[in-house]
Amino acid sequence: STMDLIKHHGGEPANFLDVGGGANVDQVSEAFRIILADDNV
């Protein structure tokens, strides 16, 4: 749904990323690291 709304408002999603229902600090940190490693973001 998040990606759909980004597209609807004129943006382009760079990824699909689901951290799940029990996200902890390490998982969120790794998620950010993976997202920011993409130069297109």
Full PDB file with SEQRES, HELIX, SHEET, SSBOND, CRYST1, ORIGX, SCALE, CONECT and MASTER records, all heavy atoms in Angstrom:
SEQRES   1 A   41  SER THR MET ASP LEU ILE LYS HIS HIS GLY GLY GLU PRO          
SEQRES   2 A   41  ALA ASN PHE LEU ASP VAL GLY GLY GLY ALA ASN VAL ASP          
SEQRES   3 A   41  GLN VAL SER GLU ALA PHE ARG ILE ILE LEU ALA ASP ASP          
SEQRES   4 A   41  ASN VAL                                                      
HELIX    1 AA1 THR A    2  HIS A    8  1                                   7    
HELIX    2 AA2 VAL A   25  LEU A   36  1                                  12    
CRYST1    1.000    1.000    1.000  90.00  90.00  90.00 P 1           1          
ORIGX1      1.000000  0.000000  0.000000        0.00000                         
ORIGX2      0.000000  1.000000  0.000000        0.00000                         
ORIGX3      0.000000  0.000000  1.000000        0.00000                         
SCALE1      1.000000  0.000000  0.000000        0.00000                         
SCALE2      0.000000  1.000000  0.000000        0.00000                         
SCALE3      0.000000  0.000000  1.000000        0.00000                         
ATOM      1  N   SER A   1       0.832  -1.211   0.000  1.00  0.00           N  
ATOM      2  CA  SER A   1       0.000   0.000   0.000  1.00  0.00           C  
ATOM      3  C   SER A   1       0.864   1.257   0.000  1.00  0.00           C  
ATOM      4  O   SER A   1       0.541   2.252  -0.666  1.00  0.00           O  
ATOM      5  CB  SER A   1      -0.910   0.009   1.234  1.00  0.00           C  
ATOM      6  OG  SER A   1      -1.758  -1.112   1.244  1.00  0.00           O  
ATOM      7  N   THR A   2       1.961   1.202   0.747  1.00  0.00           N  
ATOM      8  CA  THR A   2       2.878   2.341   0.812  1.00  0.00           C  
ATOM      9  C   THR A   2       3.455   2.653  -0.561  1.00  0.00           C  
ATOM     10  O   THR A   2       3.502   3.811  -0.998  1.00  0.00           O  
ATOM     11  CB  THR A   2       4.011   2.060   1.812  1.00  0.00           C  
ATOM     12  OG1 THR A   2       3.442   1.783   3.103  1.00  0.00           O  
ATOM     13  CG2 THR A   2       4.959   3.236   1.919  1.00  0.00           C  
ATOM     14  N   MET A   3       3.894   1.616  -1.254  1.00  0.00           N  
ATOM     15  CA  MET A   3       4.448   1.814  -2.595  1.00  0.00           C  
ATOM     16  C   MET A   3       3.394   2.347  -3.556  1.00  0.00           C  
ATOM     17  O   MET A   3       3.685   3.208  -4.398  1.00  0.00           O  
ATOM     18  CB  MET A   3       5.041   0.499  -3.114  1.00  0.00           C  
ATOM     19  CG  MET A   3       6.275   0.049  -2.355  1.00  0.00           C  
ATOM     20  SD  MET A   3       7.136  -1.329  -3.160  1.00  0.00           S  
ATOM     21  CE  MET A   3       5.910  -2.608  -3.047  1.00  0.00           C  
ATOM     22  N   ASP A   4       2.157   1.842  -3.426  1.00  0.00           N  
ATOM     23  CA  ASP A   4       1.074   2.313  -4.295  1.00  0.00           C  
ATOM     24  C   ASP A   4       0.840   3.811  -4.111  1.00  0.00           C  
ATOM     25  O   ASP A   4       0.669   4.554  -5.085  1.00  0.00           O  
ATOM     26  CB  ASP A   4      -0.212   1.546  -3.986  1.00  0.00           C  
ATOM     27  CG  ASP A   4      -0.209   0.138  -4.552  1.00  0.00           C  
ATOM     28  OD1 ASP A   4       0.640  -0.138  -5.417  1.00  0.00           O  
ATOM     29  OD2 ASP A   4      -1.033  -0.678  -4.128  1.00  0.00           O  
ATOM     30  N   LEU A   5       0.818   4.269  -2.845  1.00  0.00           N  
ATOM     31  CA  LEU A   5       0.552   5.686  -2.587  1.00  0.00           C  
ATOM     32  C   LEU A   5       1.719   6.573  -3.024  1.00  0.00           C  
ATOM     33  O   LEU A   5       1.514   7.697  -3.481  1.00  0.00           O  
ATOM     34  CB  LEU A   5       0.241   5.899  -1.107  1.00  0.00           C  
ATOM     35  CG  LEU A   5      -1.248   5.723  -0.753  1.00  0.00           C  
ATOM     36  CD1 LEU A   5      -1.464   5.798   0.737  1.00  0.00           C  
ATOM     37  CD2 LEU A   5      -2.101   6.771  -1.460  1.00  0.00           C  
ATOM     38  N   ILE A   6       2.925   6.084  -2.884  1.00  0.00           N  
ATOM     39  CA  ILE A   6       4.078   6.837  -3.390  1.00  0.00           C  
ATOM     40  C   ILE A   6       3.929   7.045  -4.896  1.00  0.00           C  
ATOM     41  O   ILE A   6       4.121   8.151  -5.416  1.00  0.00           O  
ATOM     42  CB  ILE A   6       5.394   6.109  -3.057  1.00  0.00           C  
ATOM     43  CG1 ILE A   6       5.689   6.207  -1.554  1.00  0.00           C  
ATOM     44  CG2 ILE A   6       6.560   6.691  -3.867  1.00  0.00           C  
ATOM     45  CD1 ILE A   6       6.889   5.394  -1.115  1.00  0.00           C  
ATOM     46  N   LYS A   7       3.571   5.973  -5.606  1.00  0.00           N  
ATOM     47  CA  LYS A   7       3.357   6.073  -7.051  1.00  0.00           C  
ATOM     48  C   LYS A   7       2.202   7.018  -7.367  1.00  0.00           C  
ATOM     49  O   LYS A   7       2.282   7.832  -8.295  1.00  0.00           O  
ATOM     50  CB  LYS A   7       3.045   4.676  -7.621  1.00  0.00           C  
ATOM     51  CG  LYS A   7       4.203   3.718  -7.628  1.00  0.00           C  
ATOM     52  CD  LYS A   7       5.072   3.862  -8.854  1.00  0.00           C  
ATOM     53  CE  LYS A   7       4.382   3.393 -10.096  1.00  0.00           C  
ATOM     54  NZ  LYS A   7       5.274   3.432 -11.287  1.00  0.00           N  
ATOM     55  N   HIS A   8       1.131   6.905  -6.585  1.00  0.00           N  
ATOM     56  CA  HIS A   8      -0.066   7.730  -6.823  1.00  0.00           C  
ATOM     57  C   HIS A   8       0.238   9.220  -6.715  1.00  0.00           C  
ATOM     58  O   HIS A   8      -0.350  10.031  -7.446  1.00  0.00           O  
ATOM     59  CB  HIS A   8      -1.154   7.347  -5.814  1.00  0.00           C  
ATOM     60  CG  HIS A   8      -2.418   8.128  -5.961  1.00  0.00           C  
ATOM     61  ND1 HIS A   8      -3.278   7.975  -7.032  1.00  0.00           N  
ATOM     62  CD2 HIS A   8      -2.969   9.100  -5.174  1.00  0.00           C  
ATOM     63  CE1 HIS A   8      -4.300   8.802  -6.900  1.00  0.00           C  
ATOM     64  NE2 HIS A   8      -4.150   9.497  -5.789  1.00  0.00           N  
ATOM     65  N   HIS A   9       1.165   9.562  -5.829  1.00  0.00           N  
ATOM     66  CA  HIS A   9       1.487  10.981  -5.620  1.00  0.00           C  
ATOM     67  C   HIS A   9       2.724  11.425  -6.409  1.00  0.00           C  
ATOM     68  O   HIS A   9       3.310  12.467  -6.112  1.00  0.00           O  
ATOM     69  CB  HIS A   9       1.664  11.258  -4.135  1.00  0.00           C  
ATOM     70  CG  HIS A   9       0.378  11.175  -3.363  1.00  0.00           C  
ATOM     71  ND1 HIS A   9      -0.616  12.123  -3.455  1.00  0.00           N  
ATOM     72  CD2 HIS A   9      -0.098  10.224  -2.513  1.00  0.00           C  
ATOM     73  CE1 HIS A   9      -1.636  11.777  -2.693  1.00  0.00           C  
ATOM     74  NE2 HIS A   9      -1.357  10.623  -2.110  1.00  0.00           N  
ATOM     75  N   GLY A  10       3.104  10.630  -7.402  1.00  0.00           N  
ATOM     76  CA  GLY A  10       4.137  11.057  -8.337  1.00  0.00           C  
ATOM     77  C   GLY A  10       5.538  10.600  -8.027  1.00  0.00           C  
ATOM     78  O   GLY A  10       6.489  11.008  -8.709  1.00  0.00           O  
ATOM     79  N   GLY A  11       5.720   9.747  -7.030  1.00  0.00           N  
ATOM     80  CA  GLY A  11       7.046   9.244  -6.697  1.00  0.00           C  
ATOM     81  C   GLY A  11       7.282   7.847  -7.238  1.00  0.00           C  
ATOM     82  O   GLY A  11       6.386   7.229  -7.820  1.00  0.00           O  
ATOM     83  N   GLU A  12       8.497   7.346  -7.037  1.00  0.00           N  
ATOM     84  CA  GLU A  12       8.852   6.002  -7.484  1.00  0.00           C  
ATOM     85  C   GLU A  12       9.549   5.273  -6.334  1.00  0.00           C  
ATOM     86  O   GLU A  12      10.623   5.685  -5.887  1.00  0.00           O  
ATOM     87  CB  GLU A  12       9.789   6.047  -8.700  1.00  0.00           C  
ATOM     88  CG  GLU A  12       9.138   6.532  -9.981  1.00  0.00           C  
ATOM     89  CD  GLU A  12       8.124   5.528 -10.526  1.00  0.00           C  
ATOM     90  OE1 GLU A  12       8.242   4.330 -10.192  1.00  0.00           O  
ATOM     91  OE2 GLU A  12       7.223   5.947 -11.283  1.00  0.00           O  
ATOM     92  N   PRO A  13       8.960   4.191  -5.823  1.00  0.00           N  
ATOM     93  CA  PRO A  13       9.596   3.445  -4.730  1.00  0.00           C  
ATOM     94  C   PRO A  13      10.895   2.776  -5.179  1.00  0.00           C  
ATOM     95  O   PRO A  13      10.984   2.261  -6.290  1.00  0.00           O  
ATOM     96  CB  PRO A  13       8.539   2.407  -4.343  1.00  0.00           C  
ATOM     97  CG  PRO A  13       7.652   2.285  -5.534  1.00  0.00           C  
ATOM     98  CD  PRO A  13       7.659   3.623  -6.203  1.00  0.00           C  
ATOM     99  N   ALA A  14      11.889   2.815  -4.303  1.00  0.00           N  
ATOM    100  CA  ALA A  14      13.190   2.215  -4.609  1.00  0.00           C  
ATOM    101  C   ALA A  14      13.276   0.772  -4.149  1.00  0.00           C  
ATOM    102  O   ALA A  14      14.213   0.059  -4.512  1.00  0.00           O  
ATOM    103  CB  ALA A  14      14.310   3.026  -3.952  1.00  0.00           C  
ATOM    104  N   ASN A  15      12.314   0.369  -3.325  1.00  0.00           N  
ATOM    105  CA  ASN A  15      12.379  -0.990  -2.799  1.00  0.00           C  
ATOM    106  C   ASN A  15      11.066  -1.392  -2.137  1.00  0.00           C  
ATOM    107  O   ASN A  15      10.233  -0.556  -1.807  1.00  0.00           O  
ATOM    108  CB  ASN A  15      13.502  -1.119  -1.768  1.00  0.00           C  
ATOM    109  CG  ASN A  15      13.268  -0.238  -0.554  1.00  0.00           C  
ATOM    110  OD1 ASN A  15      13.682   0.920  -0.532  1.00  0.00           O  
ATOM    111  ND2 ASN A  15      12.578  -0.758   0.447  1.00  0.00           N  
ATOM    112  N   PHE A  16      10.918  -2.691  -1.957  1.00  0.00           N  
ATOM    113  CA  PHE A  16       9.940  -3.261  -1.035  1.00  0.00           C  
ATOM    114  C   PHE A  16      10.756  -3.753   0.150  1.00  0.00           C  
ATOM    115  O   PHE A  16      11.708  -4.528  -0.028  1.00  0.00           O  
ATOM    116  CB  PHE A  16       9.211  -4.434  -1.713  1.00  0.00           C  
ATOM    117  CG  PHE A  16       8.415  -5.308  -0.766  1.00  0.00           C  
ATOM    118  CD1 PHE A  16       7.063  -5.123  -0.612  1.00  0.00           C  
ATOM    119  CD2 PHE A  16       9.030  -6.321  -0.040  1.00  0.00           C  
ATOM    120  CE1 PHE A  16       6.323  -5.919   0.251  1.00  0.00           C  
ATOM    121  CE2 PHE A  16       8.307  -7.126   0.821  1.00  0.00           C  
ATOM    122  CZ  PHE A  16       6.956  -6.928   0.968  1.00  0.00           C  
ATOM    123  N   LEU A  17      10.418  -3.308   1.364  1.00  0.00           N  
ATOM    124  CA  LEU A  17      11.140  -3.782   2.537  1.00  0.00           C  
ATOM    125  C   LEU A  17      10.179  -3.930   3.712  1.00  0.00           C  
ATOM    126  O   LEU A  17       9.601  -2.955   4.181  1.00  0.00           O  
ATOM    127  CB  LEU A  17      12.294  -2.851   2.921  1.00  0.00           C  
ATOM    128  CG  LEU A  17      13.333  -3.486   3.871  1.00  0.00           C  
ATOM    129  CD1 LEU A  17      14.687  -2.806   3.720  1.00  0.00           C  
ATOM    130  CD2 LEU A  17      12.892  -3.435   5.322  1.00  0.00           C  
ATOM    131  N   ASP A  18      10.016  -5.173   4.147  1.00  0.00           N  
ATOM    132  CA  ASP A  18       9.147  -5.505   5.276  1.00  0.00           C  
ATOM    133  C   ASP A  18      10.027  -5.959   6.440  1.00  0.00           C  
ATOM    134  O   ASP A  18      10.711  -6.983   6.340  1.00  0.00           O  
ATOM    135  CB  ASP A  18       8.169  -6.611   4.857  1.00  0.00           C  
ATOM    136  CG  ASP A  18       7.353  -7.152   6.017  1.00  0.00           C  
ATOM    137  OD1 ASP A  18       7.271  -6.461   7.053  1.00  0.00           O  
ATOM    138  OD2 ASP A  18       6.804  -8.263   5.881  1.00  0.00           O  
ATOM    139  N   VAL A  19      10.010  -5.181   7.542  1.00  0.00           N  
ATOM    140  CA  VAL A  19      10.821  -5.548   8.708  1.00  0.00           C  
ATOM    141  C   VAL A  19      10.077  -6.487   9.640  1.00  0.00           C  
ATOM    142  O   VAL A  19      10.633  -6.944  10.641  1.00  0.00           O  
ATOM    143  CB  VAL A  19      11.279  -4.297   9.506  1.00  0.00           C  
ATOM    144  CG1 VAL A  19      12.200  -3.441   8.675  1.00  0.00           C  
ATOM    145  CG2 VAL A  19      10.073  -3.506  10.003  1.00  0.00           C  
ATOM    146  N   GLY A  20       8.811  -6.799   9.327  1.00  0.00           N  
ATOM    147  CA  GLY A  20       8.056  -7.730  10.150  1.00  0.00           C  
ATOM    148  C   GLY A  20       7.471  -7.084  11.393  1.00  0.00           C  
ATOM    149  O   GLY A  20       7.668  -5.907  11.668  1.00  0.00           O  
ATOM    150  N   GLY A  21       6.755  -7.887  12.156  1.00  0.00           N  
ATOM    151  CA  GLY A  21       6.055  -7.362  13.318  1.00  0.00           C  
ATOM    152  C   GLY A  21       6.899  -7.260  14.565  1.00  0.00           C  
ATOM    153  O   GLY A  21       6.495  -6.638  15.558  1.00  0.00           O  
ATOM    154  N   GLY A  22       8.088  -7.849  14.576  1.00  0.00           N  
ATOM    155  CA  GLY A  22       8.919  -7.831  15.786  1.00  0.00           C  
ATOM    156  C   GLY A  22      10.257  -7.173  15.563  1.00  0.00           C  
ATOM    157  O   GLY A  22      11.290  -7.658  16.038  1.00  0.00           O  
ATOM    158  N   ALA A  23      10.268  -6.085  14.830  1.00  0.00           N  
ATOM    159  CA  ALA A  23      11.531  -5.415  14.473  1.00  0.00           C  
ATOM    160  C   ALA A  23      12.277  -4.930  15.707  1.00  0.00           C  
ATOM    161  O   ALA A  23      11.687  -4.329  16.606  1.00  0.00           O  
ATOM    162  CB  ALA A  23      11.239  -4.247  13.546  1.00  0.00           C  
ATOM    163  N   ASN A  24      13.599  -5.175  15.746  1.00  0.00           N  
ATOM    164  CA  ASN A  24      14.440  -4.675  16.825  1.00  0.00           C  
ATOM    165  C   ASN A  24      15.454  -3.690  16.269  1.00  0.00           C  
ATOM    166  O   ASN A  24      15.476  -3.404  15.070  1.00  0.00           O  
ATOM    167  CB  ASN A  24      15.137  -5.837  17.550  1.00  0.00           C  
ATOM    168  CG  ASN A  24      15.929  -6.720  16.587  1.00  0.00           C  
ATOM    169  OD1 ASN A  24      16.558  -6.222  15.659  1.00  0.00           O  
ATOM    170  ND2 ASN A  24      15.893  -8.026  16.809  1.00  0.00           N  
ATOM    171  N   VAL A  25      16.321  -3.178  17.143  1.00  0.00           N  
ATOM    172  CA  VAL A  25      17.293  -2.162  16.730  1.00  0.00           C  
ATOM    173  C   VAL A  25      18.190  -2.679  15.617  1.00  0.00           C  
ATOM    174  O   VAL A  25      18.434  -1.994  14.611  1.00  0.00           O  
ATOM    175  CB  VAL A  25      18.147  -1.714  17.935  1.00  0.00           C  
ATOM    176  CG1 VAL A  25      19.248  -0.760  17.473  1.00  0.00           C  
ATOM    177  CG2 VAL A  25      17.277  -1.034  18.981  1.00  0.00           C  
ATOM    178  N   ASP A  26      18.683  -3.890  15.779  1.00  0.00           N  
ATOM    179  CA  ASP A  26      19.600  -4.445  14.778  1.00  0.00           C  
ATOM    180  C   ASP A  26      18.929  -4.593  13.422  1.00  0.00           C  
ATOM    181  O   ASP A  26      19.535  -4.303  12.378  1.00  0.00           O  
ATOM    182  CB  ASP A  26      20.133  -5.810  15.245  1.00  0.00           C  
ATOM    183  CG  ASP A  26      21.088  -5.684  16.422  1.00  0.00           C  
ATOM    184  OD1 ASP A  26      21.663  -4.590  16.601  1.00  0.00           O  
ATOM    185  OD2 ASP A  26      21.253  -6.671  17.163  1.00  0.00           O  
ATOM    186  N   GLN A  27      17.675  -5.051  13.423  1.00  0.00           N  
ATOM    187  CA  GLN A  27      16.964  -5.222  12.159  1.00  0.00           C  
ATOM    188  C   GLN A  27      16.675  -3.877  11.493  1.00  0.00           C  
ATOM    189  O   GLN A  27      16.843  -3.731  10.280  1.00  0.00           O  
ATOM    190  CB  GLN A  27      15.653  -5.983  12.383  1.00  0.00           C  
ATOM    191  CG  GLN A  27      15.839  -7.475  12.591  1.00  0.00           C  
ATOM    192  CD  GLN A  27      14.512  -8.180  12.755  1.00  0.00           C  
ATOM    193  OE1 GLN A  27      13.706  -7.795  13.599  1.00  0.00           O  
ATOM    194  NE2 GLN A  27      14.270  -9.207  11.965  1.00  0.00           N  
ATOM    195  N   VAL A  28      16.240  -2.911  12.280  1.00  0.00           N  
ATOM    196  CA  VAL A  28      15.960  -1.585  11.720  1.00  0.00           C  
ATOM    197  C   VAL A  28      17.243  -0.947  11.199  1.00  0.00           C  
ATOM    198  O   VAL A  28      17.262  -0.325  10.133  1.00  0.00           O  
ATOM    199  CB  VAL A  28      15.276  -0.679  12.762  1.00  0.00           C  
ATOM    200  CG1 VAL A  28      15.102   0.741  12.214  1.00  0.00           C  
ATOM    201  CG2 VAL A  28      13.917  -1.241  13.157  1.00  0.00           C  
ATOM    202  N   SER A  29      18.342  -1.109  11.936  1.00  0.00           N  
ATOM    203  CA  SER A  29      19.635  -0.570  11.495  1.00  0.00           C  
ATOM    204  C   SER A  29      20.063  -1.209  10.186  1.00  0.00           C  
ATOM    205  O   SER A  29      20.515  -0.524   9.254  1.00  0.00           O  
ATOM    206  CB  SER A  29      20.711  -0.817  12.564  1.00  0.00           C  
ATOM    207  OG  SER A  29      20.415  -0.125  13.747  1.00  0.00           O  
ATOM    208  N   GLU A  30      19.920  -2.522  10.100  1.00  0.00           N  
ATOM    209  CA  GLU A  30      20.293  -3.222   8.872  1.00  0.00           C  
ATOM    210  C   GLU A  30      19.385  -2.801   7.718  1.00  0.00           C  
ATOM    211  O   GLU A  30      19.844  -2.642   6.583  1.00  0.00           O  
ATOM    212  CB  GLU A  30      20.218  -4.736   9.083  1.00  0.00           C  
ATOM    213  CG  GLU A  30      20.636  -5.574   7.885  1.00  0.00           C  
ATOM    214  CD  GLU A  30      22.099  -5.414   7.508  1.00  0.00           C  
ATOM    215  OE1 GLU A  30      22.864  -4.811   8.283  1.00  0.00           O  
ATOM    216  OE2 GLU A  30      22.485  -5.896   6.424  1.00  0.00           O  
ATOM    217  N   ALA A  31      18.107  -2.600   8.016  1.00  0.00           N  
ATOM    218  CA  ALA A  31      17.171  -2.150   6.980  1.00  0.00           C  
ATOM    219  C   ALA A  31      17.587  -0.786   6.435  1.00  0.00           C  
ATOM    220  O   ALA A  31      17.612  -0.572   5.214  1.00  0.00           O  
ATOM    221  CB  ALA A  31      15.752  -2.086   7.551  1.00  0.00           C  
ATOM    222  N   PHE A  32      17.927   0.144   7.334  1.00  0.00           N  
ATOM    223  CA  PHE A  32      18.395   1.465   6.900  1.00  0.00           C  
ATOM    224  C   PHE A  32      19.691   1.350   6.093  1.00  0.00           C  
ATOM    225  O   PHE A  32      19.866   2.021   5.075  1.00  0.00           O  
ATOM    226  CB  PHE A  32      18.626   2.371   8.108  1.00  0.00           C  
ATOM    227  CG  PHE A  32      17.382   3.021   8.638  1.00  0.00           C  
ATOM    228  CD1 PHE A  32      17.230   3.262   9.997  1.00  0.00           C  
ATOM    229  CD2 PHE A  32      16.364   3.412   7.793  1.00  0.00           C  
ATOM    230  CE1 PHE A  32      16.086   3.873  10.497  1.00  0.00           C  
ATOM    231  CE2 PHE A  32      15.217   4.028   8.273  1.00  0.00           C  
ATOM    232  CZ  PHE A  32      15.077   4.251   9.632  1.00  0.00           C  
ATOM    233  N   ARG A  33      20.593   0.501   6.565  1.00  0.00           N  
ATOM    234  CA  ARG A  33      21.881   0.354   5.872  1.00  0.00           C  
ATOM    235  C   ARG A  33      21.667  -0.148   4.446  1.00  0.00           C  
ATOM    236  O   ARG A  33      22.277   0.352   3.493  1.00  0.00           O  
ATOM    237  CB  ARG A  33      22.778  -0.624   6.638  1.00  0.00           C  
ATOM    238  CG  ARG A  33      24.203  -0.694   6.096  1.00  0.00           C  
ATOM    239  CD  ARG A  33      24.970  -1.876   6.640  1.00  0.00           C  
ATOM    240  NE  ARG A  33      24.404  -3.139   6.172  1.00  0.00           N  
ATOM    241  CZ  ARG A  33      24.607  -3.611   4.958  1.00  0.00           C  
ATOM    242  NH1 ARG A  33      25.333  -2.938   4.071  1.00  0.00           N  
ATOM    243  NH2 ARG A  33      24.083  -4.770   4.600  1.00  0.00           N  
ATOM    244  N   ILE A  34      20.779  -1.124   4.294  1.00  0.00           N  
ATOM    245  CA  ILE A  34      20.494  -1.679   2.969  1.00  0.00           C  
ATOM    246  C   ILE A  34      19.850  -0.630   2.069  1.00  0.00           C  
ATOM    247  O   ILE A  34      20.224  -0.474   0.902  1.00  0.00           O  
ATOM    248  CB  ILE A  34      19.584  -2.920   3.099  1.00  0.00           C  
ATOM    249  CG1 ILE A  34      20.362  -4.071   3.751  1.00  0.00           C  
ATOM    250  CG2 ILE A  34      19.044  -3.345   1.742  1.00  0.00           C  
ATOM    251  CD1 ILE A  34      19.499  -5.249   4.155  1.00  0.00           C  
ATOM    252  N   ILE A  35      18.888   0.103   2.609  1.00  0.00           N  
ATOM    253  CA  ILE A  35      18.202   1.133   1.818  1.00  0.00           C  
ATOM    254  C   ILE A  35      19.175   2.218   1.379  1.00  0.00           C  
ATOM    255  O   ILE A  35      19.209   2.617   0.204  1.00  0.00           O  
ATOM    256  CB  ILE A  35      17.050   1.752   2.630  1.00  0.00           C  
ATOM    257  CG1 ILE A  35      15.920   0.735   2.820  1.00  0.00           C  
ATOM    258  CG2 ILE A  35      16.511   3.007   1.937  1.00  0.00           C  
ATOM    259  CD1 ILE A  35      14.832   1.198   3.767  1.00  0.00           C  
ATOM    260  N   LEU A  36      20.007   2.707   2.312  1.00  0.00           N  
ATOM    261  CA  LEU A  36      20.896   3.829   2.014  1.00  0.00           C  
ATOM    262  C   LEU A  36      22.096   3.419   1.169  1.00  0.00           C  
ATOM    263  O   LEU A  36      22.785   4.264   0.601  1.00  0.00           O  
ATOM    264  CB  LEU A  36      21.370   4.474   3.321  1.00  0.00           C  
ATOM    265  CG  LEU A  36      20.254   5.132   4.151  1.00  0.00           C  
ATOM    266  CD1 LEU A  36      20.795   5.611   5.485  1.00  0.00           C  
ATOM    267  CD2 LEU A  36      19.613   6.279   3.382  1.00  0.00           C  
ATOM    268  N   ALA A  37      22.360   2.115   1.083  1.00  0.00           N  
ATOM    269  CA  ALA A  37      23.453   1.639   0.229  1.00  0.00           C  
ATOM    270  C   ALA A  37      23.097   1.763  -1.248  1.00  0.00           C  
ATOM    271  O   ALA A  37      23.978   1.704  -2.117  1.00  0.00           O  
ATOM    272  CB  ALA A  37      23.792   0.183   0.569  1.00  0.00           C  
ATOM    273  N   ASP A  38      21.818   1.945  -1.525  1.00  0.00           N  
ATOM    274  CA  ASP A  38      21.357   2.143  -2.899  1.00  0.00           C  
ATOM    275  C   ASP A  38      21.559   3.614  -3.270  1.00  0.00           C  
ATOM    276  O   ASP A  38      20.895   4.499  -2.718  1.00  0.00           O  
ATOM    277  CB  ASP A  38      19.884   1.748  -3.000  1.00  0.00           C  
ATOM    278  CG  ASP A  38      19.328   1.859  -4.416  1.00  0.00           C  
ATOM    279  OD1 ASP A  38      20.047   2.368  -5.308  1.00  0.00           O  
ATOM    280  OD2 ASP A  38      18.179   1.438  -4.632  1.00  0.00           O  
ATOM    281  N   ASP A  39      22.448   3.869  -4.200  1.00  0.00           N  
ATOM    282  CA  ASP A  39      22.763   5.248  -4.588  1.00  0.00           C  
ATOM    283  C   ASP A  39      21.570   5.982  -5.188  1.00  0.00           C  
ATOM    284  O   ASP A  39      21.570   7.221  -5.254  1.00  0.00           O  
ATOM    285  CB  ASP A  39      23.927   5.256  -5.587  1.00  0.00           C  
ATOM    286  CG  ASP A  39      25.237   4.812  -4.949  1.00  0.00           C  
ATOM    287  OD1 ASP A  39      25.374   4.951  -3.720  1.00  0.00           O  
ATOM    288  OD2 ASP A  39      26.111   4.306  -5.685  1.00  0.00           O  
ATOM    289  N   ASN A  40      20.568   5.237  -5.647  1.00  0.00           N  
ATOM    290  CA  ASN A  40      19.393   5.875  -6.245  1.00  0.00           C  
ATOM    291  C   ASN A  40      18.471   6.500  -5.205  1.00  0.00           C  
ATOM    292  O   ASN A  40      17.635   7.342  -5.541  1.00  0.00           O  
ATOM    293  CB  ASN A  40      18.595   4.848  -7.063  1.00  0.00           C  
ATOM    294  CG  ASN A  40      19.335   4.381  -8.296  1.00  0.00           C  
ATOM    295  OD1 ASN A  40      20.130   5.120  -8.862  1.00  0.00           O  
ATOM    296  ND2 ASN A  40      19.094   3.150  -8.710  1.00  0.00           N  
ATOM    297  N   VAL A  41      18.608   6.083  -3.944  1.00  0.00           N  
ATOM    298  CA  VAL A  41      17.691   6.549  -2.897  1.00  0.00           C  
ATOM    299  C   VAL A  41      17.994   7.995  -2.529  1.00  0.00           C  
ATOM    300  O   VAL A  41      19.096   8.326  -2.097  1.00  0.00           O  
ATOM    301  CB  VAL A  41      17.781   5.646  -1.646  1.00  0.00           C  
ATOM    302  CG1 VAL A  41      16.997   6.253  -0.484  1.00  0.00           C  
ATOM    303  CG2 VAL A  41      17.248   4.255  -1.971  1.00  0.00           C  
TER     304      VAL A  41                                                      
MASTER        0    0    0    2    0    0    0    6  303    1    0    4          
END                                                                             
